[in-house]
């Protein structure tokens, strides 16, 4: 019985990476290529786009999940949703950074995570342009391709870069983020970066590029895989109150660990 459970975990671990690559192959067929004219971008809400690449990537990943793990539940951004309390749950973002993608900016990803009983077990974030595949399995560390990931050693906000993002709301959420950015600049931070792809921002913390990343509102598919990658690289991920993330939309604070309390204090203001 135990060997069967181990084999099933091995299958899901390998599948997380495989499914991310499947999605990456699909979106790259649309990006700046012969199929770019078929991108079919639509507006879901102000500033929030969806394209045929999003939909095609999600269909391809869902097809493989249902064929390989038909009893597992799925939570995906565009076409499939299910109970977030499922014991075995795949959380999929078929194209994170659609706005970048639609404008020809080569900074987007495919994010695939597998959760059991509300906790991440395996996660992968693929940048299909660079070929960088960020991956983690619970208790097994985090890697980018064959390189082990480790968070920054910075002990002060003044010693690092900080990343952020803006939710699609152009009202108070945007203004609050701008206030926090202003406050960080007065702290002597080396710089603020906003690249428009939450999963890759989180991987930037895991890789030690950023000391911290914050965003006022993210959906679970935005952070499901990145959360595990950061934690396995030695970092910390919570909401703005310092509480653990679940599988529901949340504000998010991601740090190397030593900077976490300082970031929470700044965001609380």
Protein backbone atom coordinates (compact mmCIF):
# COMPACT_ATOMS: atom_id res chain seq x y z
CA UNK A 1 0.00 0.00 0.00
CA UNK A 2 2.79 2.38 0.94
CA UNK A 3 4.68 1.70 -2.30
CA UNK A 4 1.51 2.41 -4.27
CA UNK A 5 1.14 5.80 -2.56
CA UNK A 6 4.79 6.64 -3.26
CA UNK A 7 4.38 5.71 -6.91
CA UNK A 8 1.29 7.90 -7.19
CA UNK A 9 3.21 10.84 -5.74
CA UNK A 10 6.05 10.22 -8.18
CA UNK A 11 3.55 10.25 -11.04
CA UNK A 12 2.06 13.56 -9.92
CA UNK A 13 5.49 15.08 -9.31
CA UNK A 14 6.59 14.25 -12.85
CA UNK A 15 3.21 15.24 -14.28
CA UNK A 16 3.39 18.77 -12.82
CA UNK A 17 6.46 19.51 -14.93
CA UNK A 18 5.07 17.69 -17.96
CA UNK A 19 1.78 19.61 -17.88
CA UNK A 20 3.58 22.97 -17.58
CA UNK A 21 5.64 22.12 -20.65
CA UNK A 22 2.51 21.09 -22.57
CA UNK A 23 0.95 24.48 -21.81
CA UNK A 24 4.17 26.25 -22.74
CA UNK A 25 4.31 24.52 -26.13
CA UNK A 26 0.75 25.64 -26.84
CA UNK A 27 1.18 29.31 -25.94
CA UNK A 28 4.42 29.59 -27.90
CA UNK A 29 2.58 28.53 -31.06
CA UNK A 30 0.66 31.81 -30.76
CA UNK A 31 3.43 34.11 -29.54
CA UNK A 32 4.83 36.29 -32.34
CA UNK A 33 4.32 33.38 -34.74
CA UNK A 34 2.17 32.32 -37.66
CA UNK A 35 -0.84 31.88 -35.39
CA UNK A 36 -0.48 35.32 -33.76
CA UNK A 37 -3.32 36.65 -35.93
CA UNK A 38 -5.60 34.07 -34.29
CA UNK A 39 -4.84 35.29 -30.78
CA UNK A 40 -8.39 36.61 -30.38
CA UNK A 41 -7.84 38.77 -27.32
CA UNK A 42 -10.97 39.59 -25.31
CA UNK A 43 -11.46 41.81 -22.27
CA UNK A 44 -12.84 40.04 -19.20
CA UNK A 45 -12.80 43.26 -17.18
CA UNK A 46 -10.87 46.51 -17.41
CA UNK A 47 -7.22 45.67 -17.97
CA UNK A 48 -7.84 41.91 -17.65
CA UNK A 49 -7.41 40.08 -20.95
CA UNK A 50 -7.98 36.52 -22.12
CA UNK A 51 -6.73 35.11 -25.41
CA UNK A 52 -7.11 31.98 -27.50
CA UNK A 53 -3.67 31.03 -26.25
CA UNK A 54 -4.97 31.00 -22.64
CA UNK A 55 -7.91 28.83 -23.64
CA UNK A 56 -5.93 26.45 -25.84
CA UNK A 57 -3.25 25.97 -23.19
CA UNK A 58 -5.86 25.25 -20.53
CA UNK A 59 -7.68 22.74 -22.75
CA UNK A 60 -4.45 20.87 -23.45
CA UNK A 61 -3.49 20.69 -19.77
CA UNK A 62 -6.99 19.68 -18.64
CA UNK A 63 -7.11 16.94 -21.23
CA UNK A 64 -3.93 15.41 -19.85
CA UNK A 65 -5.03 15.73 -16.21
CA UNK A 66 -8.35 14.05 -16.92
CA UNK A 67 -6.67 11.28 -18.87
CA UNK A 68 -3.98 10.66 -16.24
CA UNK A 69 -5.79 11.42 -12.97
CA UNK A 70 -9.54 11.24 -13.71
CA UNK A 71 -10.56 11.25 -10.04
CA UNK A 72 -8.62 14.43 -9.17
CA UNK A 73 -10.32 17.81 -9.02
CA UNK A 74 -9.19 20.87 -11.00
CA UNK A 75 -9.25 24.61 -10.34
CA UNK A 76 -8.24 26.50 -13.49
CA UNK A 77 -8.49 30.13 -14.49
CA UNK A 78 -10.45 30.11 -17.73
CA UNK A 79 -12.71 27.11 -18.27
CA UNK A 80 -12.76 24.74 -15.33
CA UNK A 81 -13.61 25.22 -11.70
CA UNK A 82 -14.41 22.91 -8.85
CA UNK A 83 -14.54 22.85 -5.08
CA UNK A 84 -11.40 24.35 -3.57
CA UNK A 85 -11.71 21.92 -0.67
CA UNK A 86 -11.02 18.82 -2.77
CA UNK A 87 -8.53 16.40 -1.20
CA UNK A 88 -6.59 16.09 -4.48
CA UNK A 89 -6.60 19.33 -6.44
CA UNK A 90 -4.75 20.62 -9.50
CA UNK A 91 -4.53 24.42 -9.71
CA UNK A 92 -3.73 25.74 -13.17
CA UNK A 93 -2.86 29.10 -14.69
CA UNK A 94 -2.53 28.33 -18.41
CA UNK A 95 -1.00 31.72 -19.20
CA UNK A 96 0.05 34.07 -16.41
CA UNK A 97 0.89 37.48 -17.83
CA UNK A 98 -1.64 37.56 -20.67
CA UNK A 99 -1.32 41.33 -21.03
CA UNK A 100 2.42 40.97 -21.62
CA UNK A 101 1.83 38.10 -24.02
CA UNK A 102 -0.81 39.97 -26.02
CA UNK A 103 1.52 42.95 -26.48
CA UNK A 104 4.48 40.84 -27.55
CA UNK A 105 6.40 41.26 -24.28
CA UNK A 106 8.31 38.01 -23.59
CA UNK A 107 7.53 37.78 -19.88
CA UNK A 108 4.77 35.29 -19.09
CA UNK A 109 4.45 31.78 -17.71
CA UNK A 110 2.45 28.60 -17.33
CA UNK A 111 1.83 27.61 -13.71
CA UNK A 112 0.77 24.14 -12.53
CA UNK A 113 0.37 23.03 -8.91
CA UNK A 114 -0.86 19.88 -7.23
CA UNK A 115 -2.40 20.19 -3.75
CA UNK A 116 -3.48 17.57 -1.23
CA UNK A 117 -5.87 18.44 1.59
CA UNK A 118 -5.32 22.14 0.98
CA UNK A 119 -1.51 22.06 1.00
CA UNK A 120 0.88 22.21 -1.99
CA UNK A 121 2.78 19.03 -2.79
CA UNK A 122 4.32 19.83 -6.19
CA UNK A 123 4.55 23.01 -8.24
CA UNK A 124 6.03 24.15 -11.55
CA UNK A 125 6.28 27.56 -13.22
CA UNK A 126 7.59 27.62 -16.79
CA UNK A 127 8.83 30.67 -18.66
CA UNK A 128 8.38 29.23 -22.18
CA UNK A 129 10.43 32.00 -23.83
CA UNK A 130 13.59 31.49 -21.76
CA UNK A 131 13.01 27.79 -21.13
CA UNK A 132 13.42 28.32 -17.38
CA UNK A 133 11.40 25.73 -15.46
CA UNK A 134 11.03 26.50 -11.76
CA UNK A 135 10.00 23.44 -9.78
CA UNK A 136 9.55 22.31 -6.21
CA UNK A 137 8.20 19.32 -4.36
CA UNK A 138 7.35 19.47 -0.66
CA UNK A 139 10.45 18.62 1.37
CA UNK A 140 12.60 18.30 -1.74
CA UNK A 141 13.89 21.84 -2.27
CA UNK A 142 13.40 24.09 -5.28
CA UNK A 143 15.27 24.24 -8.58
CA UNK A 144 15.34 26.17 -11.83
CA UNK A 145 16.19 23.56 -14.45
CA UNK A 146 19.23 21.94 -12.75
CA UNK A 147 20.14 24.89 -10.53
CA UNK A 148 19.18 24.83 -6.85
CA UNK A 149 17.25 27.90 -5.75
CA UNK A 150 18.00 29.87 -2.60
CA UNK A 151 16.44 33.12 -1.42
CA UNK A 152 18.38 36.33 -0.82
CA UNK A 153 20.35 36.78 2.39
CA UNK A 154 19.28 40.44 2.74
CA UNK A 155 18.31 41.47 6.26
CA UNK A 156 16.96 44.92 5.43
CA UNK A 157 14.65 46.30 2.77
CA UNK A 158 17.42 48.81 2.08
CA UNK A 159 19.60 45.96 0.80
CA UNK A 160 17.41 44.59 -1.98
CA UNK A 161 15.01 44.97 -4.87
CA UNK A 162 11.28 44.58 -4.20
CA UNK A 163 8.71 43.44 -6.76
CA UNK A 164 5.02 44.29 -6.83
CA UNK A 165 1.93 44.00 -9.00
CA UNK A 166 -1.33 45.85 -9.56
CA UNK A 167 -4.72 44.20 -9.40
CA UNK A 168 -7.08 45.04 -12.27
CA UNK A 169 -9.05 47.40 -10.04
CA UNK A 170 -7.97 50.95 -10.89
CA UNK A 171 -9.40 52.39 -7.69
CA UNK A 172 -8.38 52.07 -4.04
CA UNK A 173 -6.34 48.90 -4.59
CA UNK A 174 -4.16 50.76 -7.08
CA UNK A 175 -3.81 53.79 -4.82
CA UNK A 176 -2.86 51.62 -1.83
CA UNK A 177 -0.16 49.90 -3.88
CA UNK A 178 1.21 53.28 -4.96
CA UNK A 179 1.32 54.43 -1.34
CA UNK A 180 3.26 51.32 -0.36
CA UNK A 181 5.69 51.87 -3.24
CA UNK A 182 6.28 55.44 -2.10
CA UNK A 183 6.92 54.21 1.44
CA UNK A 184 9.40 51.61 0.22
CA UNK A 185 11.33 54.20 -1.75
CA UNK A 186 11.78 56.28 1.40
CA UNK A 187 13.28 53.19 3.08
CA UNK A 188 16.24 53.23 0.70
CA UNK A 189 15.20 50.14 -1.24
CA UNK A 190 17.45 49.52 -4.25
CA UNK A 191 14.45 49.63 -6.56
CA UNK A 192 10.86 48.55 -7.25
CA UNK A 193 10.05 46.23 -10.15
CA UNK A 194 6.65 45.54 -11.70
CA UNK A 195 6.72 43.04 -14.57
CA UNK A 196 3.10 41.86 -14.64
CA UNK A 197 3.50 38.13 -14.03
CA UNK A 198 2.90 37.09 -10.41
CA UNK A 199 4.20 33.54 -10.69
CA UNK A 200 7.53 34.70 -12.14
CA UNK A 201 7.76 37.47 -9.53
CA UNK A 202 7.49 34.79 -6.83
CA UNK A 203 10.14 32.71 -8.56
CA UNK A 204 12.32 35.84 -8.57
CA UNK A 205 12.15 35.83 -4.77
CA UNK A 206 12.98 32.11 -4.71
CA UNK A 207 16.00 32.75 -6.93
CA UNK A 208 17.30 35.58 -4.74
CA UNK A 209 16.67 38.34 -7.31
CA UNK A 210 14.15 40.11 -5.07
CA UNK A 211 14.14 40.31 -1.31
CA UNK A 212 10.35 40.66 -1.32
CA UNK A 213 7.24 40.78 -3.49
CA UNK A 214 3.73 41.95 -2.61
CA UNK A 215 0.40 42.33 -4.34
CA UNK A 216 -2.98 43.38 -3.02
CA UNK A 217 -5.12 40.69 -4.60
CA UNK A 218 -4.28 37.45 -6.39
CA UNK A 219 -6.30 34.42 -7.41
CA UNK A 220 -5.14 30.98 -6.25
CA UNK A 221 -3.86 30.01 -9.71
CA UNK A 222 -1.55 33.05 -9.57
CA UNK A 223 0.28 31.86 -6.45
CA UNK A 224 -0.41 28.12 -6.04
CA UNK A 225 2.85 26.86 -7.57
CA UNK A 226 4.99 29.89 -6.74
CA UNK A 227 4.17 29.60 -3.06
CA UNK A 228 5.72 26.15 -2.80
CA UNK A 229 8.76 27.13 -4.88
CA UNK A 230 9.48 30.08 -2.57
CA UNK A 231 8.99 28.06 0.60
CA UNK A 232 11.24 25.27 -0.62
CA UNK A 233 13.91 27.84 -1.52
CA UNK A 234 13.87 29.04 2.09
CA UNK A 235 11.41 31.94 1.85
CA UNK A 236 8.10 32.79 3.44
CA UNK A 237 4.66 33.42 1.91
CA UNK A 238 1.60 34.79 3.74
CA UNK A 239 -1.26 37.20 3.33
CA UNK A 240 -1.02 40.80 4.60
CA UNK A 241 -1.97 39.65 8.11
CA UNK A 242 0.85 37.14 8.21
CA UNK A 243 -1.52 34.20 7.90
CA UNK A 244 -1.01 31.15 5.72
CA UNK A 245 -2.45 31.15 2.21
CA UNK A 246 -5.14 28.66 1.33
CA UNK A 247 -6.69 28.05 -2.06
CA UNK A 248 -8.85 31.16 -2.17
CA UNK A 249 -8.08 34.68 -3.50
CA UNK A 250 -5.80 36.59 -1.18
CA UNK A 251 -3.41 39.47 -0.75
CA UNK A 252 0.14 38.14 -0.77
CA UNK A 253 3.49 38.92 0.81
CA UNK A 254 6.51 36.93 -0.34
CA UNK A 255 9.96 37.38 1.20
CA UNK A 256 13.27 35.70 1.88
CA UNK A 257 12.16 35.27 5.50
CA UNK A 258 14.20 37.84 7.46
CA UNK A 259 12.37 40.69 5.68
CA UNK A 260 8.89 39.34 6.29
CA UNK A 261 7.99 41.10 9.51
CA UNK A 262 9.25 44.42 8.15
CA UNK A 263 7.16 44.01 5.01
CA UNK A 264 4.07 43.13 7.05
CA UNK A 265 4.52 46.26 9.16
CA UNK A 266 4.87 48.45 6.08
CA UNK A 267 1.83 46.94 4.39
CA UNK A 268 -0.26 47.22 7.53
CA UNK A 269 0.15 50.99 7.37
